[in-house]
Amino acid sequence: MRSLPITFHRMPWQGWLSSTPAVADFRGIGRHDIAVNSWDDSSIVVIDGSTGEVIWRHATGAPNMGGVAAYDLDGDGLPDVMSLSFDGYLYALRGRDGRVLWKAPLDKGGWSIPVVTDLNADGVPYVIVITAVGQLHVLDGQTGKEHWSPQVTGEMKVAGKPAVARERGHTIILAPLGKAGAVAFDWKTRREMWRSPEGFPVMASPVVTDLVGNGKQQAVIGATTGDVFILGLSDGKPFWHSKICAQVSQGEVAIEADPVATDLDGDGIVDVLIASHDFHLYAISGRAVIEAIPNSNPTCLH
């Protein structure tokens, strides 16, 4: 078989990067630009997706490490840029030119990617973000005003982002909150619903999926201890648990990467893919998970 040549284009803009880019048509010109965080020069940058040239740059008071989000906050029909900085602010910047729409003070900042969604189904966007100390904040996407923040604090760095899902008429915010684990909140009542098992800190993003295929959702959670949990989304009840890898050394983090839920082997059942600090990528068979559950019948899921 003839191999195809590998081609790539190195962007002329340079800097120390540990950021997930956001790709969108920020200028409304019919092609994509790239928003990214910069550590070296403490800035949020949008670059031309075709050339890599800087379109605009917004300086922050400290370095930026995490990913950015794109969403139309001001209603002009073009996506805007949101980023959490280590200077202690969450920034909302107009996508086409970088003008500050608002910036909200958040203790110690962080690097969790903001999640933007319409929580109340009324057309008003909310920005959900987790700070470096494991504190969840929900802000009005149009003004930056904080609407709610629970008392629970994870007391450790959190790199992952919250998941938002709807189950049995409830809008659920599932947040990785460090030592508190993954915590599920009911948005309507602002009350905590459940937490993942105690003693298994979570800093990666949880993933919500319908693993079984019966319309009931589960949460896939990777813990820093190397454990993977699958819990019922509505009640947090254990669905499946396994320690897939050990911590490299005492106090080290085994899992900080986000899991991915997808059908890897084409059997119609969702599998789980997750990386760890033991230099392995693990693929967990969804069929094997279901077969390990009492009274389950994976042959009847199609």
C-alpha atoms as a PDB file:
ATOM      1  CA  MET A   1       0.000   0.000   0.000  1.00  0.00           C
ATOM      2  CA  ARG A   2       1.347   3.383  -0.967  1.00  0.00           C
ATOM      3  CA  SER A   3       1.667   5.767   1.967  1.00  0.00           C
ATOM      4  CA  LEU A   4       0.518   9.340   1.621  1.00  0.00           C
ATOM      5  CA  PRO A   5       2.938  12.172   2.457  1.00  0.00           C
ATOM      6  CA  ILE A   6       2.366  13.888   5.789  1.00  0.00           C
ATOM      7  CA  THR A   7       1.901  17.608   5.408  1.00  0.00           C
ATOM      8  CA  PHE A   8       1.400  20.267   8.035  1.00  0.00           C
ATOM      9  CA  HIS A   9       1.524  24.016   8.374  1.00  0.00           C
ATOM     10  CA  ARG A  10       3.338  25.532  11.338  1.00  0.00           C
ATOM     11  CA  MET A  11       1.629  28.721  12.435  1.00  0.00           C
ATOM     12  CA  PRO A  12       3.976  31.739  12.545  1.00  0.00           C
ATOM     13  CA  TRP A  13       2.553  32.848  15.900  1.00  0.00           C
ATOM     14  CA  GLN A  14       4.560  31.221  18.677  1.00  0.00           C
ATOM     15  CA  GLY A  15       4.390  30.887  22.456  1.00  0.00           C
ATOM     16  CA  TRP A  16       4.369  28.287  25.221  1.00  0.00           C
ATOM     17  CA  LEU A  17       0.985  26.619  24.817  1.00  0.00           C
ATOM     18  CA  SER A  18      -1.021  24.241  26.964  1.00  0.00           C
ATOM     19  CA  SER A  19      -4.397  25.278  25.684  1.00  0.00           C
ATOM     20  CA  THR A  20      -7.263  23.656  23.797  1.00  0.00           C
ATOM     21  CA  PRO A  21      -8.059  26.060  20.925  1.00  0.00           C
ATOM     22  CA  ALA A  22     -11.547  27.218  19.990  1.00  0.00           C
ATOM     23  CA  VAL A  23     -12.195  27.281  16.249  1.00  0.00           C
ATOM     24  CA  ALA A  24     -14.957  29.497  14.843  1.00  0.00           C
ATOM     25  CA  ASP A  25     -15.758  32.167  12.259  1.00  0.00           C
ATOM     26  CA  PHE A  26     -15.135  34.980  14.739  1.00  0.00           C
ATOM     27  CA  ARG A  27     -15.097  37.716  12.070  1.00  0.00           C
ATOM     28  CA  GLY A  28     -18.019  36.497   9.966  1.00  0.00           C
ATOM     29  CA  ILE A  29     -15.875  36.152   6.843  1.00  0.00           C
ATOM     30  CA  GLY A  30     -16.839  32.599   5.945  1.00  0.00           C
ATOM     31  CA  ARG A  31     -13.732  30.863   7.246  1.00  0.00           C
ATOM     32  CA  HIS A  32     -12.427  29.782  10.620  1.00  0.00           C
ATOM     33  CA  ASP A  33     -10.062  31.585  12.956  1.00  0.00           C
ATOM     34  CA  ILE A  34      -8.451  30.153  16.089  1.00  0.00           C
ATOM     35  CA  ALA A  35      -8.700  31.432  19.675  1.00  0.00           C
ATOM     36  CA  VAL A  36      -6.019  30.237  22.063  1.00  0.00           C
ATOM     37  CA  ASN A  37      -4.438  31.082  25.425  1.00  0.00           C
ATOM     38  CA  SER A  38      -0.806  32.104  25.756  1.00  0.00           C
ATOM     39  CA  TRP A  39       1.407  31.506  28.779  1.00  0.00           C
ATOM     40  CA  ASP A  40       4.573  33.370  27.766  1.00  0.00           C
ATOM     41  CA  ASP A  41       3.070  36.789  27.100  1.00  0.00           C
ATOM     42  CA  SER A  42      -0.020  36.446  29.353  1.00  0.00           C
ATOM     43  CA  SER A  43      -2.604  36.982  26.652  1.00  0.00           C
ATOM     44  CA  ILE A  44      -5.683  35.633  24.915  1.00  0.00           C
ATOM     45  CA  VAL A  45      -5.123  35.560  21.170  1.00  0.00           C
ATOM     46  CA  VAL A  46      -7.189  35.086  18.030  1.00  0.00           C
ATOM     47  CA  ILE A  47      -5.187  34.142  14.955  1.00  0.00           C
ATOM     48  CA  ASP A  48      -6.106  33.753  11.310  1.00  0.00           C
ATOM     49  CA  GLY A  49      -6.884  30.089  10.659  1.00  0.00           C
ATOM     50  CA  SER A  50      -5.320  30.221   7.189  1.00  0.00           C
ATOM     51  CA  THR A  51      -2.114  32.133   7.904  1.00  0.00           C
ATOM     52  CA  GLY A  52      -1.568  32.039  11.670  1.00  0.00           C
ATOM     53  CA  GLU A  53      -1.206  35.810  11.766  1.00  0.00           C
ATOM     54  CA  VAL A  54      -2.471  37.512  14.920  1.00  0.00           C
ATOM     55  CA  ILE A  55      -5.857  39.208  14.436  1.00  0.00           C
ATOM     56  CA  TRP A  56      -6.105  40.511  17.968  1.00  0.00           C
ATOM     57  CA  ARG A  57      -4.478  39.973  21.324  1.00  0.00           C
ATOM     58  CA  HIS A  58      -5.851  40.764  24.786  1.00  0.00           C
ATOM     59  CA  ALA A  59      -3.328  41.037  27.614  1.00  0.00           C
ATOM     60  CA  THR A  60      -4.166  39.497  30.988  1.00  0.00           C
ATOM     61  CA  GLY A  61      -2.584  40.120  34.369  1.00  0.00           C
ATOM     62  CA  ALA A  62      -1.073  36.630  34.633  1.00  0.00           C
ATOM     63  CA  PRO A  63      -0.316  33.653  32.363  1.00  0.00           C
ATOM     64  CA  ASN A  64      -3.071  31.586  30.777  1.00  0.00           C
ATOM     65  CA  MET A  65      -2.956  27.823  30.499  1.00  0.00           C
ATOM     66  CA  GLY A  66      -6.360  26.281  29.875  1.00  0.00           C
ATOM     67  CA  GLY A  67      -8.623  26.099  26.884  1.00  0.00           C
ATOM     68  CA  VAL A  68     -11.022  28.718  25.573  1.00  0.00           C
ATOM     69  CA  ALA A  69     -14.693  28.585  24.603  1.00  0.00           C
ATOM     70  CA  ALA A  70     -16.577  30.177  21.709  1.00  0.00           C
ATOM     71  CA  TYR A  71     -20.217  31.318  21.923  1.00  0.00           C
ATOM     72  CA  ASP A  72     -22.247  34.324  20.786  1.00  0.00           C
ATOM     73  CA  LEU A  73     -22.789  36.212  24.049  1.00  0.00           C
ATOM     74  CA  ASP A  74     -23.767  39.669  22.775  1.00  0.00           C
ATOM     75  CA  GLY A  75     -26.275  38.550  20.130  1.00  0.00           C
ATOM     76  CA  ASP A  76     -24.445  40.015  17.118  1.00  0.00           C
ATOM     77  CA  GLY A  77     -24.510  36.671  15.304  1.00  0.00           C
ATOM     78  CA  LEU A  78     -20.776  36.072  15.730  1.00  0.00           C
ATOM     79  CA  PRO A  79     -19.088  33.855  18.328  1.00  0.00           C
ATOM     80  CA  ASP A  80     -17.247  35.499  21.203  1.00  0.00           C
ATOM     81  CA  VAL A  81     -14.301  34.218  23.250  1.00  0.00           C
ATOM     82  CA  MET A  82     -14.322  33.155  26.921  1.00  0.00           C
ATOM     83  CA  SER A  83     -11.244  32.287  28.930  1.00  0.00           C
ATOM     84  CA  LEU A  84     -10.351  31.821  32.593  1.00  0.00           C
ATOM     85  CA  SER A  85      -6.987  33.388  33.485  1.00  0.00           C
ATOM     86  CA  PHE A  86      -4.626  32.912  36.404  1.00  0.00           C
ATOM     87  CA  ASP A  87      -4.985  36.643  37.082  1.00  0.00           C
ATOM     88  CA  GLY A  88      -8.259  35.824  38.849  1.00  0.00           C
ATOM     89  CA  TYR A  89     -10.716  36.824  36.110  1.00  0.00           C
ATOM     90  CA  LEU A  90     -13.010  35.113  33.660  1.00  0.00           C
ATOM     91  CA  TYR A  91     -12.891  37.077  30.403  1.00  0.00           C
ATOM     92  CA  ALA A  92     -15.619  37.461  27.792  1.00  0.00           C
ATOM     93  CA  LEU A  93     -14.160  39.103  24.680  1.00  0.00           C
ATOM     94  CA  ARG A  94     -15.915  40.086  21.464  1.00  0.00           C
ATOM     95  CA  GLY A  95     -14.840  37.575  18.858  1.00  0.00           C
ATOM     96  CA  ARG A  96     -14.320  39.891  15.932  1.00  0.00           C
ATOM     97  CA  ASP A  97     -12.016  42.431  17.613  1.00  0.00           C
ATOM     98  CA  GLY A  98     -11.228  41.367  21.208  1.00  0.00           C
ATOM     99  CA  ARG A  99     -13.154  44.165  22.899  1.00  0.00           C
ATOM    100  CA  VAL A 100     -13.989  43.317  26.524  1.00  0.00           C
ATOM    101  CA  LEU A 101     -17.662  42.455  26.899  1.00  0.00           C
ATOM    102  CA  TRP A 102     -17.139  41.797  30.603  1.00  0.00           C
ATOM    103  CA  LYS A 103     -14.688  40.287  33.027  1.00  0.00           C
ATOM    104  CA  ALA A 104     -15.729  38.594  36.256  1.00  0.00           C
ATOM    105  CA  PRO A 105     -13.495  38.192  39.330  1.00  0.00           C
ATOM    106  CA  LEU A 106     -13.075  34.543  40.359  1.00  0.00           C
ATOM    107  CA  ASP A 107     -10.794  33.574  43.229  1.00  0.00           C
ATOM    108  CA  LYS A 108      -7.355  32.543  41.929  1.00  0.00           C
ATOM    109  CA  GLY A 109      -8.662  32.034  38.391  1.00  0.00           C
ATOM    110  CA  GLY A 110      -7.738  28.712  36.800  1.00  0.00           C
ATOM    111  CA  TRP A 111      -7.560  26.802  33.536  1.00  0.00           C
ATOM    112  CA  SER A 112     -10.848  24.955  33.257  1.00  0.00           C
ATOM    113  CA  ILE A 113     -12.567  25.474  29.892  1.00  0.00           C
ATOM    114  CA  PRO A 114     -15.801  27.476  30.337  1.00  0.00           C
ATOM    115  CA  VAL A 115     -19.041  25.756  29.364  1.00  0.00           C
ATOM    116  CA  VAL A 116     -21.719  27.965  27.825  1.00  0.00           C
ATOM    117  CA  THR A 117     -25.309  26.757  27.671  1.00  0.00           C
ATOM    118  CA  ASP A 118     -28.928  27.878  27.950  1.00  0.00           C
ATOM    119  CA  LEU A 119     -29.796  26.426  31.363  1.00  0.00           C
ATOM    120  CA  ASN A 120     -33.355  27.765  31.522  1.00  0.00           C
ATOM    121  CA  ALA A 121     -34.342  27.214  27.869  1.00  0.00           C
ATOM    122  CA  ASP A 122     -35.157  30.928  27.588  1.00  0.00           C
ATOM    123  CA  GLY A 123     -32.428  32.005  25.183  1.00  0.00           C
ATOM    124  CA  VAL A 124     -30.167  33.455  27.901  1.00  0.00           C
ATOM    125  CA  PRO A 125     -26.661  31.933  27.882  1.00  0.00           C
ATOM    126  CA  TYR A 126     -24.972  30.970  31.136  1.00  0.00           C
ATOM    127  CA  VAL A 127     -21.246  30.442  31.593  1.00  0.00           C
ATOM    128  CA  ILE A 128     -20.262  27.588  33.910  1.00  0.00           C
ATOM    129  CA  VAL A 129     -16.659  27.365  35.044  1.00  0.00           C
ATOM    130  CA  ILE A 130     -14.505  25.795  37.770  1.00  0.00           C
ATOM    131  CA  THR A 131     -11.620  27.660  39.388  1.00  0.00           C
ATOM    132  CA  ALA A 132      -8.167  26.373  40.313  1.00  0.00           C
ATOM    133  CA  VAL A 133      -9.327  25.692  43.893  1.00  0.00           C
ATOM    134  CA  GLY A 134     -12.227  23.526  42.722  1.00  0.00           C
ATOM    135  CA  GLN A 135     -15.053  26.071  43.092  1.00  0.00           C
ATOM    136  CA  LEU A 136     -18.023  25.954  40.689  1.00  0.00           C
ATOM    137  CA  HIS A 137     -19.437  29.250  39.395  1.00  0.00           C
ATOM    138  CA  VAL A 138     -22.459  29.944  37.187  1.00  0.00           C
ATOM    139  CA  LEU A 139     -22.557  33.400  35.578  1.00  0.00           C
ATOM    140  CA  ASP A 140     -24.899  35.296  33.276  1.00  0.00           C
ATOM    141  CA  GLY A 141     -23.304  35.073  29.846  1.00  0.00           C
ATOM    142  CA  GLN A 142     -24.509  38.525  28.803  1.00  0.00           C
ATOM    143  CA  THR A 143     -23.366  40.488  31.855  1.00  0.00           C
ATOM    144  CA  GLY A 144     -20.860  38.343  33.755  1.00  0.00           C
ATOM    145  CA  LYS A 145     -22.956  38.642  36.920  1.00  0.00           C
ATOM    146  CA  GLU A 146     -22.676  35.595  39.136  1.00  0.00           C
ATOM    147  CA  HIS A 147     -25.955  33.739  39.568  1.00  0.00           C
ATOM    148  CA  TRP A 148     -24.871  30.923  41.812  1.00  0.00           C
ATOM    149  CA  SER A 149     -21.936  29.128  43.383  1.00  0.00           C
ATOM    150  CA  PRO A 150     -22.326  26.193  45.788  1.00  0.00           C
ATOM    151  CA  GLN A 151     -20.478  26.096  49.092  1.00  0.00           C
ATOM    152  CA  VAL A 152     -18.548  22.911  48.309  1.00  0.00           C
ATOM    153  CA  THR A 153     -14.908  23.471  47.343  1.00  0.00           C
ATOM    154  CA  GLY A 154     -12.588  20.813  45.976  1.00  0.00           C
ATOM    155  CA  GLU A 155      -9.387  22.216  47.542  1.00  0.00           C
ATOM    156  CA  MET A 156      -7.201  21.180  44.626  1.00  0.00           C
ATOM    157  CA  LYS A 157      -6.597  22.068  41.010  1.00  0.00           C
ATOM    158  CA  VAL A 158      -9.287  21.120  38.535  1.00  0.00           C
ATOM    159  CA  ALA A 159      -8.473  21.057  34.839  1.00  0.00           C
ATOM    160  CA  GLY A 160     -11.740  19.511  33.659  1.00  0.00           C
ATOM    161  CA  LYS A 161     -14.998  21.207  32.789  1.00  0.00           C
ATOM    162  CA  PRO A 162     -18.561  20.557  33.993  1.00  0.00           C
ATOM    163  CA  ALA A 163     -21.031  18.461  32.042  1.00  0.00           C
ATOM    164  CA  VAL A 164     -24.635  19.649  31.623  1.00  0.00           C
ATOM    165  CA  ALA A 165     -27.357  17.100  30.934  1.00  0.00           C
ATOM    166  CA  ARG A 166     -31.109  16.668  31.229  1.00  0.00           C
ATOM    167  CA  GLU A 167     -32.538  13.617  32.939  1.00  0.00           C
ATOM    168  CA  ARG A 168     -36.113  12.960  34.100  1.00  0.00           C
ATOM    169  CA  GLY A 169     -37.086  16.608  33.743  1.00  0.00           C
ATOM    170  CA  HIS A 170     -34.055  17.875  35.654  1.00  0.00           C
ATOM    171  CA  THR A 171     -31.202  19.992  34.323  1.00  0.00           C
ATOM    172  CA  ILE A 172     -28.115  18.563  35.992  1.00  0.00           C
ATOM    173  CA  ILE A 173     -24.716  20.211  36.323  1.00  0.00           C
ATOM    174  CA  LEU A 174     -22.086  17.555  36.959  1.00  0.00           C
ATOM    175  CA  ALA A 175     -18.839  19.183  38.082  1.00  0.00           C
ATOM    176  CA  PRO A 176     -15.381  17.741  38.804  1.00  0.00           C
ATOM    177  CA  LEU A 177     -14.557  19.324  42.169  1.00  0.00           C
ATOM    178  CA  GLY A 178     -11.250  17.859  43.257  1.00  0.00           C
ATOM    179  CA  LYS A 179     -11.298  16.224  46.688  1.00  0.00           C
ATOM    180  CA  ALA A 180     -15.104  16.444  46.744  1.00  0.00           C
ATOM    181  CA  GLY A 181     -15.211  14.173  43.697  1.00  0.00           C
ATOM    182  CA  ALA A 182     -17.672  14.687  40.856  1.00  0.00           C
ATOM    183  CA  VAL A 183     -20.701  16.488  42.282  1.00  0.00           C
ATOM    184  CA  ALA A 184     -24.144  16.591  40.628  1.00  0.00           C
ATOM    185  CA  PHE A 185     -26.369  19.635  41.201  1.00  0.00           C
ATOM    186  CA  ASP A 186     -30.005  20.159  40.249  1.00  0.00           C
ATOM    187  CA  TRP A 187     -30.091  23.537  38.528  1.00  0.00           C
ATOM    188  CA  LYS A 188     -33.723  24.366  39.295  1.00  0.00           C
ATOM    189  CA  THR A 189     -33.421  23.911  43.057  1.00  0.00           C
ATOM    190  CA  ARG A 190     -29.671  24.713  43.261  1.00  0.00           C
ATOM    191  CA  ARG A 191     -29.285  21.656  45.462  1.00  0.00           C
ATOM    192  CA  GLU A 192     -26.648  18.968  45.531  1.00  0.00           C
ATOM    193  CA  MET A 193     -28.004  15.640  44.283  1.00  0.00           C
ATOM    194  CA  TRP A 194     -25.066  13.292  44.825  1.00  0.00           C
ATOM    195  CA  ARG A 195     -21.299  12.912  44.858  1.00  0.00           C
ATOM    196  CA  SER A 196     -19.034  10.270  43.421  1.00  0.00           C
ATOM    197  CA  PRO A 197     -17.439   7.916  45.998  1.00  0.00           C
ATOM    198  CA  GLU A 198     -15.441   9.573  48.760  1.00  0.00           C
ATOM    199  CA  GLY A 199     -11.664   9.317  48.698  1.00  0.00           C
ATOM    200  CA  PHE A 200     -11.345   9.421  44.898  1.00  0.00           C
ATOM    201  CA  PRO A 201     -10.546  13.018  43.847  1.00  0.00           C
ATOM    202  CA  VAL A 202     -11.655  14.102  40.373  1.00  0.00           C
ATOM    203  CA  MET A 203      -9.938  16.763  38.286  1.00  0.00           C
ATOM    204  CA  ALA A 204     -10.920  15.597  34.768  1.00  0.00           C
ATOM    205  CA  SER A 205     -14.180  16.303  32.976  1.00  0.00           C
ATOM    206  CA  PRO A 206     -16.985  13.798  33.576  1.00  0.00           C
ATOM    207  CA  VAL A 207     -18.735  12.427  30.499  1.00  0.00           C
ATOM    208  CA  VAL A 208     -22.462  11.722  30.286  1.00  0.00           C
ATOM    209  CA  THR A 209     -23.572   8.884  28.019  1.00  0.00           C
ATOM    210  CA  ASP A 210     -26.296   6.278  27.557  1.00  0.00           C
ATOM    211  CA  LEU A 211     -24.027   3.289  27.948  1.00  0.00           C
ATOM    212  CA  VAL A 212     -26.756   0.669  28.216  1.00  0.00           C
ATOM    213  CA  GLY A 213     -28.908   2.031  25.393  1.00  0.00           C
ATOM    214  CA  ASN A 214     -32.162   2.162  27.366  1.00  0.00           C
ATOM    215  CA  GLY A 215     -32.625   5.931  27.530  1.00  0.00           C
ATOM    216  CA  LYS A 216     -31.180   6.258  31.029  1.00  0.00           C
ATOM    217  CA  GLN A 217     -27.918   8.170  31.223  1.00  0.00           C
ATOM    218  CA  GLN A 218     -24.740   7.396  33.123  1.00  0.00           C
ATOM    219  CA  ALA A 219     -21.735   9.464  34.182  1.00  0.00           C
ATOM    220  CA  VAL A 220     -18.232   8.247  33.338  1.00  0.00           C
ATOM    221  CA  ILE A 221     -15.742   9.570  35.883  1.00  0.00           C
ATOM    222  CA  GLY A 222     -11.956   9.181  36.012  1.00  0.00           C
ATOM    223  CA  ALA A 223     -10.355   9.715  39.436  1.00  0.00           C
ATOM    224  CA  THR A 224      -6.813  10.878  40.200  1.00  0.00           C
ATOM    225  CA  THR A 225      -6.234   7.515  41.923  1.00  0.00           C
ATOM    226  CA  GLY A 226      -6.514   5.628  38.629  1.00  0.00           C
ATOM    227  CA  ASP A 227     -10.080   4.474  39.251  1.00  0.00           C
ATOM    228  CA  VAL A 228     -12.888   4.725  36.694  1.00  0.00           C
ATOM    229  CA  PHE A 229     -16.497   4.895  37.847  1.00  0.00           C
ATOM    230  CA  ILE A 230     -19.726   4.648  35.900  1.00  0.00           C
ATOM    231  CA  LEU A 231     -22.600   6.028  37.973  1.00  0.00           C
ATOM    232  CA  GLY A 232     -26.296   6.560  37.338  1.00  0.00           C
ATOM    233  CA  LEU A 233     -26.811  10.185  36.354  1.00  0.00           C
ATOM    234  CA  SER A 234     -30.124  10.639  38.166  1.00  0.00           C
ATOM    235  CA  ASP A 235     -29.027   9.226  41.531  1.00  0.00           C
ATOM    236  CA  GLY A 236     -25.277   8.577  41.486  1.00  0.00           C
ATOM    237  CA  LYS A 237     -25.735   4.872  42.218  1.00  0.00           C
ATOM    238  CA  PRO A 238     -22.728   2.719  41.274  1.00  0.00           C
ATOM    239  CA  PHE A 239     -23.076   1.120  37.875  1.00  0.00           C
ATOM    240  CA  TRP A 240     -19.506  -0.128  37.459  1.00  0.00           C
ATOM    241  CA  HIS A 241     -16.052   0.533  38.966  1.00  0.00           C
ATOM    242  CA  SER A 242     -12.526  -0.609  38.219  1.00  0.00           C
ATOM    243  CA  LYS A 243      -9.010   0.526  39.025  1.00  0.00           C
ATOM    244  CA  ILE A 244      -7.371   0.624  35.614  1.00  0.00           C
ATOM    245  CA  CYS A 245      -3.963   1.955  36.669  1.00  0.00           C
ATOM    246  CA  ALA A 246      -1.939   2.753  39.762  1.00  0.00           C
ATOM    247  CA  GLN A 247      -0.581   6.115  40.815  1.00  0.00           C
ATOM    248  CA  VAL A 248       2.976   6.466  39.574  1.00  0.00           C
ATOM    249  CA  SER A 249       4.142   7.520  43.041  1.00  0.00           C
ATOM    250  CA  GLN A 250       2.586   8.614  46.310  1.00  0.00           C
ATOM    251  CA  GLY A 251       0.648  11.809  45.859  1.00  0.00           C
ATOM    252  CA  GLU A 252       0.943  11.771  42.072  1.00  0.00           C
ATOM    253  CA  VAL A 253      -2.080  12.024  39.800  1.00  0.00           C
ATOM    254  CA  ALA A 254      -2.902   8.895  37.788  1.00  0.00           C
ATOM    255  CA  ILE A 255      -5.792  10.290  35.696  1.00  0.00           C
ATOM    256  CA  GLU A 256      -6.310  13.928  34.750  1.00  0.00           C
ATOM    257  CA  ALA A 257      -7.292  13.393  31.115  1.00  0.00           C
ATOM    258  CA  ASP A 258     -10.947  13.532  30.096  1.00  0.00           C
ATOM    259  CA  PRO A 259     -12.562  10.210  29.201  1.00  0.00           C
ATOM    260  CA  VAL A 260     -14.218   9.714  25.828  1.00  0.00           C
ATOM    261  CA  ALA A 261     -17.379   7.646  25.383  1.00  0.00           C
ATOM    262  CA  THR A 262     -17.819   6.136  21.920  1.00  0.00           C
ATOM    263  CA  ASP A 263     -18.490   2.827  20.209  1.00  0.00           C
ATOM    264  CA  LEU A 264     -14.963   1.637  19.381  1.00  0.00           C
ATOM    265  CA  ASP A 265     -15.674  -1.883  18.137  1.00  0.00           C
ATOM    266  CA  GLY A 266     -18.924  -1.332  16.238  1.00  0.00           C
ATOM    267  CA  ASP A 267     -21.095  -3.564  18.420  1.00  0.00           C
ATOM    268  CA  GLY A 268     -23.634  -0.803  19.086  1.00  0.00           C
ATOM    269  CA  ILE A 269     -22.612  -0.415  22.737  1.00  0.00           C
ATOM    270  CA  VAL A 270     -20.728   2.621  24.022  1.00  0.00           C
ATOM    271  CA  ASP A 271     -17.120   1.980  25.113  1.00  0.00           C
ATOM    272  CA  VAL A 272     -14.818   4.214  27.173  1.00  0.00           C
ATOM    273  CA  LEU A 273     -11.396   5.530  26.169  1.00  0.00           C
ATOM    274  CA  ILE A 274      -9.165   7.125  28.819  1.00  0.00           C
ATOM    275  CA  ALA A 275      -5.475   8.020  29.171  1.00  0.00           C
ATOM    276  CA  SER A 276      -3.386   7.839  32.321  1.00  0.00           C
ATOM    277  CA  HIS A 277      -0.019   8.965  33.657  1.00  0.00           C
ATOM    278  CA  ASP A 278       1.351   5.416  33.493  1.00  0.00           C
ATOM    279  CA  PHE A 279       1.951   6.026  29.766  1.00  0.00           C
ATOM    280  CA  HIS A 280      -1.001   3.979  28.583  1.00  0.00           C
ATOM    281  CA  LEU A 281      -4.241   4.644  26.779  1.00  0.00           C
ATOM    282  CA  TYR A 282      -7.020   2.361  28.034  1.00  0.00           C
ATOM    283  CA  ALA A 283     -10.042   1.161  26.088  1.00  0.00           C
ATOM    284  CA  ILE A 284     -12.828  -0.201  28.297  1.00  0.00           C
ATOM    285  CA  SER A 285     -15.377  -2.453  26.614  1.00  0.00           C
ATOM    286  CA  GLY A 286     -18.928  -1.294  27.194  1.00  0.00           C
ATOM    287  CA  ARG A 287     -20.181  -4.822  26.564  1.00  0.00           C
ATOM    288  CA  ALA A 288     -17.851  -6.210  29.233  1.00  0.00           C
ATOM    289  CA  VAL A 289     -19.064  -3.520  31.651  1.00  0.00           C
ATOM    290  CA  ILE A 290     -22.700  -4.431  31.073  1.00  0.00           C
ATOM    291  CA  GLU A 291     -22.048  -8.157  31.325  1.00  0.00           C
ATOM    292  CA  ALA A 292     -20.470  -7.572  34.750  1.00  0.00           C
ATOM    293  CA  ILE A 293     -23.685  -5.977  36.037  1.00  0.00           C
ATOM    294  CA  PRO A 294     -26.210  -8.340  37.651  1.00  0.00           C
ATOM    295  CA  ASN A 295     -29.440  -8.859  35.671  1.00  0.00           C
ATOM    296  CA  SER A 296     -28.069  -7.092  32.592  1.00  0.00           C
ATOM    297  CA  ASN A 297     -28.521  -8.524  29.104  1.00  0.00           C
ATOM    298  CA  PRO A 298     -26.361  -6.809  26.477  1.00  0.00           C
ATOM    299  CA  THR A 299     -27.837  -8.948  23.699  1.00  0.00           C
ATOM    300  CA  CYS A 300     -31.187  -7.168  24.118  1.00  0.00           C
ATOM    301  CA  LEU A 301     -29.848  -3.635  23.721  1.00  0.00           C
ATOM    302  CA  HIS A 302     -30.226  -3.249  19.968  1.00  0.00           C
END
